[in-house]
PDB file of N, CA and C in Angstrom:
ATOM      1  N   UNK A   1       0.818  -1.199   0.000  1.00  0.00           N
ATOM      2  CA  UNK A   1       0.000   0.000   0.000  1.00  0.00           C
ATOM      3  C   UNK A   1       0.864   1.266   0.000  1.00  0.00           C
ATOM      4  N   UNK A   2       1.892   1.289   0.846  1.00  0.00           N
ATOM      5  CA  UNK A   2       2.788   2.447   0.887  1.00  0.00           C
ATOM      6  C   UNK A   2       3.500   2.593  -0.454  1.00  0.00           C
ATOM      7  N   UNK A   3       3.920   1.462  -1.031  1.00  0.00           N
ATOM      8  CA  UNK A   3       4.624   1.501  -2.315  1.00  0.00           C
ATOM      9  C   UNK A   3       3.748   2.121  -3.393  1.00  0.00           C
ATOM     10  N   UNK A   4       2.513   1.697  -3.468  1.00  0.00           N
ATOM     11  CA  UNK A   4       1.619   2.223  -4.500  1.00  0.00           C
ATOM     12  C   UNK A   4       1.378   3.724  -4.313  1.00  0.00           C
ATOM     13  N   UNK A   5       1.190   4.152  -3.079  1.00  0.00           N
ATOM     14  CA  UNK A   5       0.989   5.572  -2.802  1.00  0.00           C
ATOM     15  C   UNK A   5       2.228   6.376  -3.179  1.00  0.00           C
ATOM     16  N   UNK A   6       3.404   5.872  -2.808  1.00  0.00           N
ATOM     17  CA  UNK A   6       4.648   6.564  -3.156  1.00  0.00           C
ATOM     18  C   UNK A   6       4.801   6.671  -4.672  1.00  0.00           C
ATOM     19  N   UNK A   7       4.488   5.594  -5.392  1.00  0.00           N
ATOM     20  CA  UNK A   7       4.608   5.627  -6.853  1.00  0.00           C
ATOM     21  C   UNK A   7       3.604   6.583  -7.477  1.00  0.00           C
ATOM     22  N   UNK A   8       2.399   6.620  -6.962  1.00  0.00           N
ATOM     23  CA  UNK A   8       1.408   7.575  -7.467  1.00  0.00           C
ATOM     24  C   UNK A   8       1.890   9.007  -7.257  1.00  0.00           C
ATOM     25  N   UNK A   9       2.451   9.293  -6.084  1.00  0.00           N
ATOM     26  CA  UNK A   9       2.953  10.640  -5.801  1.00  0.00           C
ATOM     27  C   UNK A   9       4.155  10.996  -6.675  1.00  0.00           C
ATOM     28  N   UNK A  10       5.107  10.069  -6.820  1.00  0.00           N
ATOM     29  CA  UNK A  10       6.251  10.319  -7.704  1.00  0.00           C
ATOM     30  C   UNK A  10       5.775  10.539  -9.130  1.00  0.00           C
ATOM     31  N   UNK A  11       4.836   9.731  -9.580  1.00  0.00           N
ATOM     32  CA  UNK A  11       4.316   9.875 -10.942  1.00  0.00           C
ATOM     33  C   UNK A  11       3.663  11.226 -11.162  1.00  0.00           C
ATOM     34  N   UNK A  12       2.816  11.641 -10.228  1.00  0.00           N
ATOM     35  CA  UNK A  12       2.163  12.952 -10.349  1.00  0.00           C
ATOM     36  C   UNK A  12       3.186  14.078 -10.333  1.00  0.00           C
ATOM     37  N   UNK A  13       4.196  13.952  -9.458  1.00  0.00           N
ATOM     38  CA  UNK A  13       5.233  14.978  -9.376  1.00  0.00           C
ATOM     39  C   UNK A  13       5.995  15.084 -10.700  1.00  0.00           C
ATOM     40  N   UNK A  14       6.391  13.941 -11.262  1.00  0.00           N
ATOM     41  CA  UNK A  14       7.142  13.969 -12.516  1.00  0.00           C
ATOM     42  C   UNK A  14       6.292  14.484 -13.669  1.00  0.00           C
ATOM     43  N   UNK A  15       5.020  14.129 -13.704  1.00  0.00           N
ATOM     44  CA  UNK A  15       4.142  14.643 -14.753  1.00  0.00           C
ATOM     45  C   UNK A  15       4.019  16.162 -14.631  1.00  0.00           C
ATOM     46  N   UNK A  16       3.759  16.648 -13.420  1.00  0.00           N
ATOM     47  CA  UNK A  16       3.633  18.096 -13.209  1.00  0.00           C
ATOM     48  C   UNK A  16       4.948  18.814 -13.523  1.00  0.00           C
ATOM     49  N   UNK A  17       6.066  18.242 -13.088  1.00  0.00           N
ATOM     50  CA  UNK A  17       7.370  18.858 -13.375  1.00  0.00           C
ATOM     51  C   UNK A  17       7.653  18.873 -14.870  1.00  0.00           C
ATOM     52  N   UNK A  18       7.329  17.789 -15.535  1.00  0.00           N
ATOM     53  CA  UNK A  18       7.534  17.724 -16.981  1.00  0.00           C
ATOM     54  C   UNK A  18       6.703  18.749 -17.719  1.00  0.00           C
ATOM     55  N   UNK A  19       5.460  18.916 -17.304  1.00  0.00           N
ATOM     56  CA  UNK A  19       4.609  19.936 -17.925  1.00  0.00           C
ATOM     57  C   UNK A  19       5.187  21.323 -17.669  1.00  0.00           C
ATOM     58  N   UNK A  20       5.701  21.536 -16.447  1.00  0.00           N
ATOM     59  CA  UNK A  20       6.360  22.809 -16.137  1.00  0.00           C
ATOM     60  C   UNK A  20       7.574  23.047 -17.021  1.00  0.00           C
ATOM     61  N   UNK A  21       8.353  22.002 -17.276  1.00  0.00           N
ATOM     62  CA  UNK A  21       9.517  22.138 -18.167  1.00  0.00           C
ATOM     63  C   UNK A  21       9.083  22.449 -19.597  1.00  0.00           C
ATOM     64  N   UNK A  22       7.987  21.847 -20.039  1.00  0.00           N
ATOM     65  CA  UNK A  22       7.505  22.076 -21.398  1.00  0.00           C
ATOM     66  C   UNK A  22       6.894  23.461 -21.579  1.00  0.00           C
ATOM     67  N   UNK A  23       6.161  23.933 -20.574  1.00  0.00           N
ATOM     68  CA  UNK A  23       5.450  25.199 -20.722  1.00  0.00           C
ATOM     69  C   UNK A  23       6.255  26.413 -20.284  1.00  0.00           C
ATOM     70  N   UNK A  24       7.241  26.215 -19.413  1.00  0.00           N
ATOM     71  CA  UNK A  24       8.021  27.361 -18.923  1.00  0.00           C
ATOM     72  C   UNK A  24       9.462  27.019 -18.670  1.00  0.00           C
ATOM     73  N   UNK A  25      10.213  26.655 -19.717  1.00  0.00           N
ATOM     74  CA  UNK A  25      11.605  26.250 -19.487  1.00  0.00           C
ATOM     75  C   UNK A  25      12.459  27.351 -18.863  1.00  0.00           C
ATOM     76  N   UNK A  26      12.207  28.600 -19.211  1.00  0.00           N
ATOM     77  CA  UNK A  26      13.000  29.690 -18.631  1.00  0.00           C
ATOM     78  C   UNK A  26      12.725  29.825 -17.134  1.00  0.00           C
ATOM     79  N   UNK A  27      11.491  29.588 -16.734  1.00  0.00           N
ATOM     80  CA  UNK A  27      11.133  29.667 -15.313  1.00  0.00           C
ATOM     81  C   UNK A  27      11.861  28.591 -14.516  1.00  0.00           C
ATOM     82  N   UNK A  28      11.947  27.386 -15.073  1.00  0.00           N
ATOM     83  CA  UNK A  28      12.613  26.287 -14.379  1.00  0.00           C
ATOM     84  C   UNK A  28      14.118  26.554 -14.291  1.00  0.00           C
ATOM     85  N   UNK A  29      14.709  27.074 -15.361  1.00  0.00           N
ATOM     86  CA  UNK A  29      16.141  27.404 -15.328  1.00  0.00           C
ATOM     87  C   UNK A  29      16.421  28.464 -14.266  1.00  0.00           C
ATOM     88  N   UNK A  30      15.551  29.462 -14.173  1.00  0.00           N
ATOM     89  CA  UNK A  30      15.699  30.507 -13.160  1.00  0.00           C
ATOM     90  C   UNK A  30      15.532  29.926 -11.756  1.00  0.00           C
ATOM     91  N   UNK A  31      14.594  28.991 -11.612  1.00  0.00           N
ATOM     92  CA  UNK A  31      14.360  28.345 -10.328  1.00  0.00           C
ATOM     93  C   UNK A  31      15.621  27.617  -9.852  1.00  0.00           C
ATOM     94  N   UNK A  32      16.281  26.896 -10.755  1.00  0.00           N
ATOM     95  CA  UNK A  32      17.506  26.172 -10.400  1.00  0.00           C
ATOM     96  C   UNK A  32      18.595  27.160  -9.979  1.00  0.00           C
ATOM     97  N   UNK A  33      18.751  28.244 -10.731  1.00  0.00           N
ATOM     98  CA  UNK A  33      19.768  29.238 -10.393  1.00  0.00           C
ATOM     99  C   UNK A  33      19.494  29.872  -9.027  1.00  0.00           C
ATOM    100  N   UNK A  34      18.230  30.215  -8.756  1.00  0.00           N
ATOM    101  CA  UNK A  34      17.887  30.824  -7.476  1.00  0.00           C
ATOM    102  C   UNK A  34      18.055  29.829  -6.319  1.00  0.00           C
ATOM    103  N   UNK A  35      17.720  28.577  -6.571  1.00  0.00           N
ATOM    104  CA  UNK A  35      17.876  27.547  -5.553  1.00  0.00           C
ATOM    105  C   UNK A  35      19.350  27.358  -5.215  1.00  0.00           C
ATOM    106  N   UNK A  36      20.189  27.367  -6.230  1.00  0.00           N
ATOM    107  CA  UNK A  36      21.633  27.220  -6.019  1.00  0.00           C
ATOM    108  C   UNK A  36      22.201  28.429  -5.265  1.00  0.00           C
ATOM    109  N   UNK A  37      21.654  29.603  -5.518  1.00  0.00           N
ATOM    110  CA  UNK A  37      22.166  30.830  -4.901  1.00  0.00           C
ATOM    111  C   UNK A  37      21.762  30.979  -3.430  1.00  0.00           C
ATOM    112  N   UNK A  38      20.875  30.115  -2.950  1.00  0.00           N
ATOM    113  CA  UNK A  38      20.414  30.223  -1.567  1.00  0.00           C
ATOM    114  C   UNK A  38      20.813  28.984  -0.768  1.00  0.00           C
ATOM    115  N   UNK A  39      21.971  29.012  -0.101  1.00  0.00           N
ATOM    116  CA  UNK A  39      22.403  27.855   0.675  1.00  0.00           C
ATOM    117  C   UNK A  39      21.416  27.470   1.780  1.00  0.00           C
ATOM    118  N   UNK A  40      20.752  28.453   2.368  1.00  0.00           N
ATOM    119  CA  UNK A  40      19.785  28.149   3.431  1.00  0.00           C
ATOM    120  C   UNK A  40      18.607  27.351   2.875  1.00  0.00           C
ATOM    121  N   UNK A  41      18.122  27.746   1.716  1.00  0.00           N
ATOM    122  CA  UNK A  41      17.007  27.029   1.099  1.00  0.00           C
ATOM    123  C   UNK A  41      17.424  25.611   0.717  1.00  0.00           C
ATOM    124  N   UNK A  42      18.624  25.464   0.173  1.00  0.00           N
ATOM    125  CA  UNK A  42      19.129  24.132  -0.164  1.00  0.00           C
ATOM    126  C   UNK A  42      19.261  23.250   1.060  1.00  0.00           C
ATOM    127  N   UNK A  43      19.769  23.817   2.148  1.00  0.00           N
ATOM    128  CA  UNK A  43      19.925  23.051   3.384  1.00  0.00           C
ATOM    129  C   UNK A  43      18.567  22.637   3.930  1.00  0.00           C
ATOM    130  N   UNK A  44      17.613  23.566   3.954  1.00  0.00           N
ATOM    131  CA  UNK A  44      16.279  23.275   4.469  1.00  0.00           C
ATOM    132  C   UNK A  44      15.583  22.202   3.631  1.00  0.00           C
ATOM    133  N   UNK A  45      15.669  22.326   2.323  1.00  0.00           N
ATOM    134  CA  UNK A  45      15.065  21.309   1.453  1.00  0.00           C
ATOM    135  C   UNK A  45      15.758  19.958   1.634  1.00  0.00           C
ATOM    136  N   UNK A  46      17.078  19.973   1.753  1.00  0.00           N
ATOM    137  CA  UNK A  46      17.820  18.734   1.970  1.00  0.00           C
ATOM    138  C   UNK A  46      17.434  18.068   3.275  1.00  0.00           C
ATOM    139  N   UNK A  47      17.322  18.847   4.328  1.00  0.00           N
ATOM    140  CA  UNK A  47      16.927  18.287   5.631  1.00  0.00           C
ATOM    141  C   UNK A  47      15.521  17.701   5.559  1.00  0.00           C
ATOM    142  N   UNK A  48      14.625  18.400   4.891  1.00  0.00           N
ATOM    143  CA  UNK A  48      13.259  17.886   4.724  1.00  0.00           C
ATOM    144  C   UNK A  48      13.266  16.581   3.947  1.00  0.00           C
ATOM    145  N   UNK A  49      14.087  16.517   2.905  1.00  0.00           N
ATOM    146  CA  UNK A  49      14.175  15.291   2.102  1.00  0.00           C
ATOM    147  C   UNK A  49      14.765  14.140   2.910  1.00  0.00           C
ATOM    148  N   UNK A  50      15.735  14.436   3.775  1.00  0.00           N
ATOM    149  CA  UNK A  50      16.326  13.389   4.619  1.00  0.00           C
ATOM    150  C   UNK A  50      15.253  12.780   5.518  1.00  0.00           C
ATOM    151  N   UNK A  51      14.487  13.625   6.186  1.00  0.00           N
ATOM    152  CA  UNK A  51      13.474  13.105   7.106  1.00  0.00           C
ATOM    153  C   UNK A  51      12.318  12.444   6.358  1.00  0.00           C
ATOM    154  N   UNK A  52      11.888  13.026   5.254  1.00  0.00           N
ATOM    155  CA  UNK A  52      10.797  12.413   4.482  1.00  0.00           C
ATOM    156  C   UNK A  52      11.255  11.097   3.855  1.00  0.00           C
ATOM    157  N   UNK A  53      12.429  11.107   3.240  1.00  0.00           N
ATOM    158  CA  UNK A  53      12.943   9.885   2.622  1.00  0.00           C
ATOM    159  C   UNK A  53      13.263   8.815   3.643  1.00  0.00           C
ATOM    160  N   UNK A  54      13.922   9.202   4.731  1.00  0.00           N
ATOM    161  CA  UNK A  54      14.266   8.231   5.766  1.00  0.00           C
ATOM    162  C   UNK A  54      13.045   7.658   6.445  1.00  0.00           C
ATOM    163  N   UNK A  55      12.077   8.514   6.744  1.00  0.00           N
ATOM    164  CA  UNK A  55      10.850   8.033   7.366  1.00  0.00           C
ATOM    165  C   UNK A  55      10.072   7.091   6.474  1.00  0.00           C
ATOM    166  N   UNK A  56       9.975   7.439   5.202  1.00  0.00           N
ATOM    167  CA  UNK A  56       9.268   6.570   4.260  1.00  0.00           C
ATOM    168  C   UNK A  56      10.033   5.279   4.047  1.00  0.00           C
ATOM    169  N   UNK A  57      11.355   5.373   3.982  1.00  0.00           N
ATOM    170  CA  UNK A  57      12.169   4.171   3.790  1.00  0.00           C
ATOM    171  C   UNK A  57      12.065   3.226   4.980  1.00  0.00           C
ATOM    172  N   UNK A  58      11.789   3.765   6.155  1.00  0.00           N
ATOM    173  CA  UNK A  58      11.648   2.895   7.330  1.00  0.00           C
ATOM    174  C   UNK A  58      10.417   1.999   7.243  1.00  0.00           C
ATOM    175  N   UNK A  59       9.419   2.403   6.471  1.00  0.00           N
ATOM    176  CA  UNK A  59       8.228   1.565   6.306  1.00  0.00           C
ATOM    177  C   UNK A  59       8.120   0.961   4.910  1.00  0.00           C
ATOM    178  N   UNK A  60       8.886   1.473   3.955  1.00  0.00           N
ATOM    179  CA  UNK A  60       8.863   0.949   2.593  1.00  0.00           C
ATOM    180  C   UNK A  60      10.287   0.566   2.198  1.00  0.00           C
ATOM    181  N   UNK A  61      10.668  -0.661   2.482  1.00  0.00           N
ATOM    182  CA  UNK A  61      12.021  -1.115   2.160  1.00  0.00           C
ATOM    183  C   UNK A  61      11.989  -2.566   1.708  1.00  0.00           C
ATOM    184  N   UNK A  62      11.176  -2.831   0.720  1.00  0.00           N
ATOM    185  CA  UNK A  62      10.984  -4.196   0.246  1.00  0.00           C
ATOM    186  C   UNK A  62      11.244  -4.274  -1.255  1.00  0.00           C
ATOM    187  N   UNK A  63      11.729  -5.410  -1.665  1.00  0.00           N
ATOM    188  CA  UNK A  63      11.919  -5.672  -3.086  1.00  0.00           C
ATOM    189  C   UNK A  63      11.114  -6.901  -3.506  1.00  0.00           C
ATOM    190  N   UNK A  64       9.984  -7.124  -2.843  1.00  0.00           N
ATOM    191  CA  UNK A  64       9.194  -8.334  -3.083  1.00  0.00           C
ATOM    192  C   UNK A  64       8.391  -8.279  -4.382  1.00  0.00           C
ATOM    193  N   UNK A  65       8.254  -7.131  -4.968  1.00  0.00           N
ATOM    194  CA  UNK A  65       7.535  -7.007  -6.235  1.00  0.00           C
ATOM    195  C   UNK A  65       8.049  -5.798  -6.988  1.00  0.00           C
ATOM    196  N   UNK A  66       7.549  -5.606  -8.193  1.00  0.00           N
ATOM    197  CA  UNK A  66       8.004  -4.483  -9.014  1.00  0.00           C
ATOM    198  C   UNK A  66       7.677  -3.152  -8.339  1.00  0.00           C
ATOM    199  N   UNK A  67       6.457  -2.989  -7.892  1.00  0.00           N
ATOM    200  CA  UNK A  67       6.056  -1.733  -7.256  1.00  0.00           C
ATOM    201  C   UNK A  67       6.854  -1.492  -5.972  1.00  0.00           C
ATOM    202  N   UNK A  68       7.007  -2.533  -5.168  1.00  0.00           N
ATOM    203  CA  UNK A  68       7.773  -2.384  -3.924  1.00  0.00           C
ATOM    204  C   UNK A  68       9.223  -2.016  -4.203  1.00  0.00           C
ATOM    205  N   UNK A  69       9.853  -2.707  -5.120  1.00  0.00           N
ATOM    206  CA  UNK A  69      11.250  -2.436  -5.441  1.00  0.00           C
ATOM    207  C   UNK A  69      11.457  -1.046  -6.017  1.00  0.00           C
ATOM    208  N   UNK A  70      10.580  -0.658  -6.946  1.00  0.00           N
ATOM    209  CA  UNK A  70      10.700   0.670  -7.553  1.00  0.00           C
ATOM    210  C   UNK A  70      10.484   1.770  -6.514  1.00  0.00           C
ATOM    211  N   UNK A  71       9.484   1.612  -5.665  1.00  0.00           N
ATOM    212  CA  UNK A  71       9.226   2.603  -4.620  1.00  0.00           C
ATOM    213  C   UNK A  71      10.408   2.693  -3.655  1.00  0.00           C
ATOM    214  N   UNK A  72      10.968   1.561  -3.282  1.00  0.00           N
ATOM    215  CA  UNK A  72      12.120   1.559  -2.371  1.00  0.00           C
ATOM    216  C   UNK A  72      13.304   2.292  -2.997  1.00  0.00           C
ATOM    217  N   UNK A  73      13.577   2.038  -4.268  1.00  0.00           N
ATOM    218  CA  UNK A  73      14.686   2.716  -4.942  1.00  0.00           C
ATOM    219  C   UNK A  73      14.455   4.217  -5.047  1.00  0.00           C
ATOM    220  N   UNK A  74      13.241   4.621  -5.392  1.00  0.00           N
ATOM    221  CA  UNK A  74      12.945   6.045  -5.522  1.00  0.00           C
ATOM    222  C   UNK A  74      13.051   6.760  -4.174  1.00  0.00           C
ATOM    223  N   UNK A  75      12.524   6.154  -3.125  1.00  0.00           N
ATOM    224  CA  UNK A  75      12.593   6.768  -1.796  1.00  0.00           C
ATOM    225  C   UNK A  75      14.044   6.826  -1.313  1.00  0.00           C
ATOM    226  N   UNK A  76      14.813   5.796  -1.588  1.00  0.00           N
ATOM    227  CA  UNK A  76      16.235   5.824  -1.232  1.00  0.00           C
ATOM    228  C   UNK A  76      16.950   6.935  -1.996  1.00  0.00           C
ATOM    229  N   UNK A  77      16.556   7.158  -3.252  1.00  0.00           N
ATOM    230  CA  UNK A  77      17.117   8.256  -4.037  1.00  0.00           C
ATOM    231  C   UNK A  77      16.822   9.616  -3.419  1.00  0.00           C
ATOM    232  N   UNK A  78      15.615   9.777  -2.896  1.00  0.00           N
ATOM    233  CA  UNK A  78      15.255  11.024  -2.207  1.00  0.00           C
ATOM    234  C   UNK A  78      16.158  11.227  -0.999  1.00  0.00           C
ATOM    235  N   UNK A  79      16.384  10.164  -0.251  1.00  0.00           N
ATOM    236  CA  UNK A  79      17.248  10.251   0.926  1.00  0.00           C
ATOM    237  C   UNK A  79      18.671  10.646   0.534  1.00  0.00           C
ATOM    238  N   UNK A  80      19.218  10.017  -0.494  1.00  0.00           N
ATOM    239  CA  UNK A  80      20.579  10.333  -0.947  1.00  0.00           C
ATOM    240  C   UNK A  80      20.657  11.769  -1.452  1.00  0.00           C
ATOM    241  N   UNK A  81      19.658  12.199  -2.212  1.00  0.00           N
ATOM    242  CA  UNK A  81      19.663  13.581  -2.706  1.00  0.00           C
ATOM    243  C   UNK A  81      19.598  14.574  -1.547  1.00  0.00           C
ATOM    244  N   UNK A  82      18.799  14.275  -0.543  1.00  0.00           N
ATOM    245  CA  UNK A  82      18.731  15.138   0.632  1.00  0.00           C
ATOM    246  C   UNK A  82      20.061  15.217   1.354  1.00  0.00           C
ATOM    247  N   UNK A  83      20.720  14.078   1.509  1.00  0.00           N
ATOM    248  CA  UNK A  83      22.037  14.063   2.148  1.00  0.00           C
ATOM    249  C   UNK A  83      23.036  14.901   1.357  1.00  0.00           C
ATOM    250  N   UNK A  84      22.991  14.793   0.026  1.00  0.00           N
ATOM    251  CA  UNK A  84      23.897  15.597  -0.811  1.00  0.00           C
ATOM    252  C   UNK A  84      23.585  17.085  -0.692  1.00  0.00           C
ATOM    253  N   UNK A  85      22.302  17.447  -0.675  1.00  0.00           N
ATOM    254  CA  UNK A  85      21.950  18.864  -0.554  1.00  0.00           C
ATOM    255  C   UNK A  85      22.469  19.462   0.751  1.00  0.00           C
ATOM    256  N   UNK A  86      22.469  18.677   1.811  1.00  0.00           N
ATOM    257  CA  UNK A  86      22.942  19.180   3.104  1.00  0.00           C
ATOM    258  C   UNK A  86      24.469  19.171   3.168  1.00  0.00           C
ATOM    259  N   UNK A  87      25.084  18.070   2.769  1.00  0.00           N
ATOM    260  CA  UNK A  87      26.518  17.893   2.978  1.00  0.00           C
ATOM    261  C   UNK A  87      27.392  18.420   1.841  1.00  0.00           C
ATOM    262  N   UNK A  88      26.963  18.215   0.598  1.00  0.00           N
ATOM    263  CA  UNK A  88      27.827  18.546  -0.535  1.00  0.00           C
ATOM    264  C   UNK A  88      26.979  18.811  -1.774  1.00  0.00           C
ATOM    265  N   UNK A  89      26.355  19.991  -1.878  1.00  0.00           N
ATOM    266  CA  UNK A  89      25.421  20.268  -2.973  1.00  0.00           C
ATOM    267  C   UNK A  89      26.075  20.543  -4.328  1.00  0.00           C
ATOM    268  N   UNK A  90      27.366  20.814  -4.333  1.00  0.00           N
ATOM    269  CA  UNK A  90      28.030  21.205  -5.581  1.00  0.00           C
ATOM    270  C   UNK A  90      27.826  20.201  -6.729  1.00  0.00           C
ATOM    271  N   UNK A  91      27.933  18.879  -6.502  1.00  0.00           N
ATOM    272  CA  UNK A  91      27.712  17.942  -7.612  1.00  0.00           C
ATOM    273  C   UNK A  91      26.285  17.995  -8.165  1.00  0.00           C
ATOM    274  N   UNK A  92      25.306  18.268  -7.308  1.00  0.00           N
ATOM    275  CA  UNK A  92      23.929  18.369  -7.791  1.00  0.00           C
ATOM    276  C   UNK A  92      23.758  19.574  -8.703  1.00  0.00           C
ATOM    277  N   UNK A  93      24.365  20.701  -8.335  1.00  0.00           N
ATOM    278  CA  UNK A  93      24.265  21.885  -9.187  1.00  0.00           C
ATOM    279  C   UNK A  93      25.004  21.664 -10.504  1.00  0.00           C
ATOM    280  N   UNK A  94      26.153  21.022 -10.447  1.00  0.00           N
ATOM    281  CA  UNK A  94      26.892  20.736 -11.679  1.00  0.00           C
ATOM    282  C   UNK A  94      26.064  19.840 -12.597  1.00  0.00           C
ATOM    283  N   UNK A  95      25.431  18.829 -12.039  1.00  0.00           N
ATOM    284  CA  UNK A  95      24.578  17.938 -12.827  1.00  0.00           C
ATOM    285  C   UNK A  95      23.396  18.704 -13.414  1.00  0.00           C
ATOM    286  N   UNK A  96      22.773  19.558 -12.627  1.00  0.00           N
ATOM    287  CA  UNK A  96      21.627  20.336 -13.114  1.00  0.00           C
ATOM    288  C   UNK A  96      22.028  21.248 -14.269  1.00  0.00           C
ATOM    289  N   UNK A  97      23.162  21.918 -14.152  1.00  0.00           N
ATOM    290  CA  UNK A  97      23.601  22.818 -15.226  1.00  0.00           C
ATOM    291  C   UNK A  97      24.041  22.037 -16.461  1.00  0.00           C
ATOM    292  N   UNK A  98      24.632  20.873 -16.267  1.00  0.00           N
ATOM    293  CA  UNK A  98      25.042  20.045 -17.403  1.00  0.00           C
ATOM    294  C   UNK A  98      23.822  19.509 -18.159  1.00  0.00           C
ATOM    295  N   UNK A  99      22.795  19.112 -17.419  1.00  0.00           N
ATOM    296  CA  UNK A  99      21.616  18.531 -18.046  1.00  0.00           C
ATOM    297  C   UNK A  99      20.732  19.583 -18.713  1.00  0.00           C
ATOM    298  N   UNK A 100      20.826  20.824 -18.295  1.00  0.00           N
ATOM    299  CA  UNK A 100      19.883  21.833 -18.754  1.00  0.00           C
ATOM    300  C   UNK A 100      20.582  23.087 -19.273  1.00  0.00           C
ATOM    301  N   UNK A 101      21.369  22.951 -20.361  1.00  0.00           N
ATOM    302  CA  UNK A 101      22.102  24.120 -20.842  1.00  0.00           C
ATOM    303  C   UNK A 101      21.242  25.140 -21.586  1.00  0.00           C
ATOM    304  N   UNK A 102      20.115  24.716 -22.167  1.00  0.00           N
ATOM    305  CA  UNK A 102      19.260  25.661 -22.888  1.00  0.00           C
ATOM    306  C   UNK A 102      17.814  25.173 -22.891  1.00  0.00           C
ATOM    307  N   UNK A 103      16.936  25.982 -23.457  1.00  0.00           N
ATOM    308  CA  UNK A 103      15.503  25.673 -23.424  1.00  0.00           C
ATOM    309  C   UNK A 103      15.155  24.374 -24.137  1.00  0.00           C
ATOM    310  N   UNK A 104      15.861  24.062 -25.231  1.00  0.00           N
ATOM    311  CA  UNK A 104      15.558  22.820 -25.958  1.00  0.00           C
ATOM    312  C   UNK A 104      15.829  21.590 -25.097  1.00  0.00           C
ATOM    313  N   UNK A 105      16.923  21.610 -24.349  1.00  0.00           N
ATOM    314  CA  UNK A 105      17.221  20.495 -23.448  1.00  0.00           C
ATOM    315  C   UNK A 105      16.166  20.392 -22.349  1.00  0.00           C
ATOM    316  N   UNK A 106      15.749  21.529 -21.827  1.00  0.00           N
ATOM    317  CA  UNK A 106      14.725  21.528 -20.783  1.00  0.00           C
ATOM    318  C   UNK A 106      13.421  20.926 -21.302  1.00  0.00           C
ATOM    319  N   UNK A 107      13.041  21.274 -22.527  1.00  0.00           N
ATOM    320  CA  UNK A 107      11.818  20.715 -23.103  1.00  0.00           C
ATOM    321  C   UNK A 107      11.971  19.219 -23.344  1.00  0.00           C
ATOM    322  N   UNK A 108      13.160  18.780 -23.744  1.00  0.00           N
ATOM    323  CA  UNK A 108      13.408  17.346 -23.916  1.00  0.00           C
ATOM    324  C   UNK A 108      13.285  16.600 -22.598  1.00  0.00           C
ATOM    325  N   UNK A 109      13.847  17.172 -21.546  1.00  0.00           N
ATOM    326  CA  UNK A 109      13.705  16.548 -20.228  1.00  0.00           C
ATOM    327  C   UNK A 109      12.258  16.600 -19.755  1.00  0.00           C
ATOM    328  N   UNK A 110      11.519  17.612 -20.188  1.00  0.00           N
ATOM    329  CA  UNK A 110      10.103  17.684 -19.857  1.00  0.00           C
ATOM    330  C   UNK A 110       9.329  16.526 -20.460  1.00  0.00           C
ATOM    331  N   UNK A 111       9.622  16.198 -21.711  1.00  0.00           N
ATOM    332  CA  UNK A 111       8.967  15.062 -22.373  1.00  0.00           C
ATOM    333  C   UNK A 111       9.315  13.763 -21.657  1.00  0.00           C
ATOM    334  N   UNK A 112      10.593  13.595 -21.314  1.00  0.00           N
ATOM    335  CA  UNK A 112      11.032  12.392 -20.594  1.00  0.00           C
ATOM    336  C   UNK A 112      10.359  12.314 -19.228  1.00  0.00           C
ATOM    337  N   UNK A 113      10.272  13.437 -18.526  1.00  0.00           N
ATOM    338  CA  UNK A 113       9.658  13.450 -17.194  1.00  0.00           C
ATOM    339  C   UNK A 113       8.179  13.082 -17.261  1.00  0.00           C
ATOM    340  N   UNK A 114       7.467  13.610 -18.239  1.00  0.00           N
ATOM    341  CA  UNK A 114       6.041  13.270 -18.377  1.00  0.00           C
ATOM    342  C   UNK A 114       5.887  11.783 -18.682  1.00  0.00           C
ATOM    343  N   UNK A 115       6.706  11.268 -19.597  1.00  0.00           N
ATOM    344  CA  UNK A 115       6.611   9.845 -19.961  1.00  0.00           C
ATOM    345  C   UNK A 115       6.929   8.949 -18.765  1.00  0.00           C
ATOM    346  N   UNK A 116       8.027   9.236 -18.067  1.00  0.00           N
ATOM    347  CA  UNK A 116       8.375   8.432 -16.889  1.00  0.00           C
ATOM    348  C   UNK A 116       7.320   8.569 -15.797  1.00  0.00           C
ATOM    349  N   UNK A 117       6.796   9.770 -15.638  1.00  0.00           N
ATOM    350  CA  UNK A 117       5.748   9.988 -14.650  1.00  0.00           C
ATOM    351  C   UNK A 117       4.516   9.146 -14.946  1.00  0.00           C
ATOM    352  N   UNK A 118       4.148   9.056 -16.204  1.00  0.00           N
ATOM    353  CA  UNK A 118       2.994   8.233 -16.575  1.00  0.00           C
ATOM    354  C   UNK A 118       3.242   6.757 -16.279  1.00  0.00           C
ATOM    355  N   UNK A 119       4.448   6.295 -16.580  1.00  0.00           N
ATOM    356  CA  UNK A 119       4.789   4.892 -16.326  1.00  0.00           C
ATOM    357  C   UNK A 119       4.769   4.604 -14.819  1.00  0.00           C
ATOM    358  N   UNK A 120       5.420   5.456 -14.043  1.00  0.00           N
ATOM    359  CA  UNK A 120       5.474   5.246 -12.590  1.00  0.00           C
ATOM    360  C   UNK A 120       4.069   5.350 -11.994  1.00  0.00           C
ATOM    361  N   UNK A 121       3.277   6.301 -12.457  1.00  0.00           N
ATOM    362  CA  UNK A 121       1.902   6.432 -11.966  1.00  0.00           C
ATOM    363  C   UNK A 121       1.098   5.185 -12.295  1.00  0.00           C
ATOM    364  N   UNK A 122       1.258   4.674 -13.506  1.00  0.00           N
ATOM    365  CA  UNK A 122       0.535   3.465 -13.913  1.00  0.00           C
ATOM    366  C   UNK A 122       0.938   2.258 -13.059  1.00  0.00           C
ATOM    367  N   UNK A 123       2.223   2.124 -12.786  1.00  0.00           N
ATOM    368  CA  UNK A 123       2.678   1.014 -11.926  1.00  0.00           C
ATOM    369  C   UNK A 123       2.075   1.164 -10.526  1.00  0.00           C
ATOM    370  N   UNK A 124       2.014   2.368 -10.015  1.00  0.00           N
ATOM    371  CA  UNK A 124       1.425   2.605  -8.703  1.00  0.00           C
ATOM    372  C   UNK A 124      -0.080   2.378  -8.679  1.00  0.00           C
ATOM    373  N   UNK A 125      -0.727   2.570  -9.819  1.00  0.00           N
ATOM    374  CA  UNK A 125      -2.184   2.414  -9.875  1.00  0.00           C
ATOM    375  C   UNK A 125      -2.610   0.956 -10.018  1.00  0.00           C
ATOM    376  N   UNK A 126      -1.675   0.099 -10.389  1.00  0.00           N
ATOM    377  CA  UNK A 126      -2.010  -1.314 -10.597  1.00  0.00           C
ATOM    378  C   UNK A 126      -2.210  -2.018  -9.281  1.00  0.00           C
TER     379      UNK A 126
END
């Protein structure tokens, strides 16, 4: 049950993020730059991700099925990203700037995010 809920939430988030990338790539690029420029915001978001990811991982840590395994991996990813945001955010910013050099790349990632979001949402809905 937790796995399916987590997958539905990840799917909705990726679909919404992908639509945001498709409809407002400049806004998303500005968001990344502003997020990088605010160490306090990065730390706060990282700490929130650590507690949310760690708490969810404490109840969802199974690989007994596709949904369980995928949810466990995604939640563990949230935990790792939170730890990086708190301890060493520089690699995350480098990755973000490398992946999103211009609007065309952002729109491409938007298409990928919507597609992956639909797949993850569908797996969670099954």
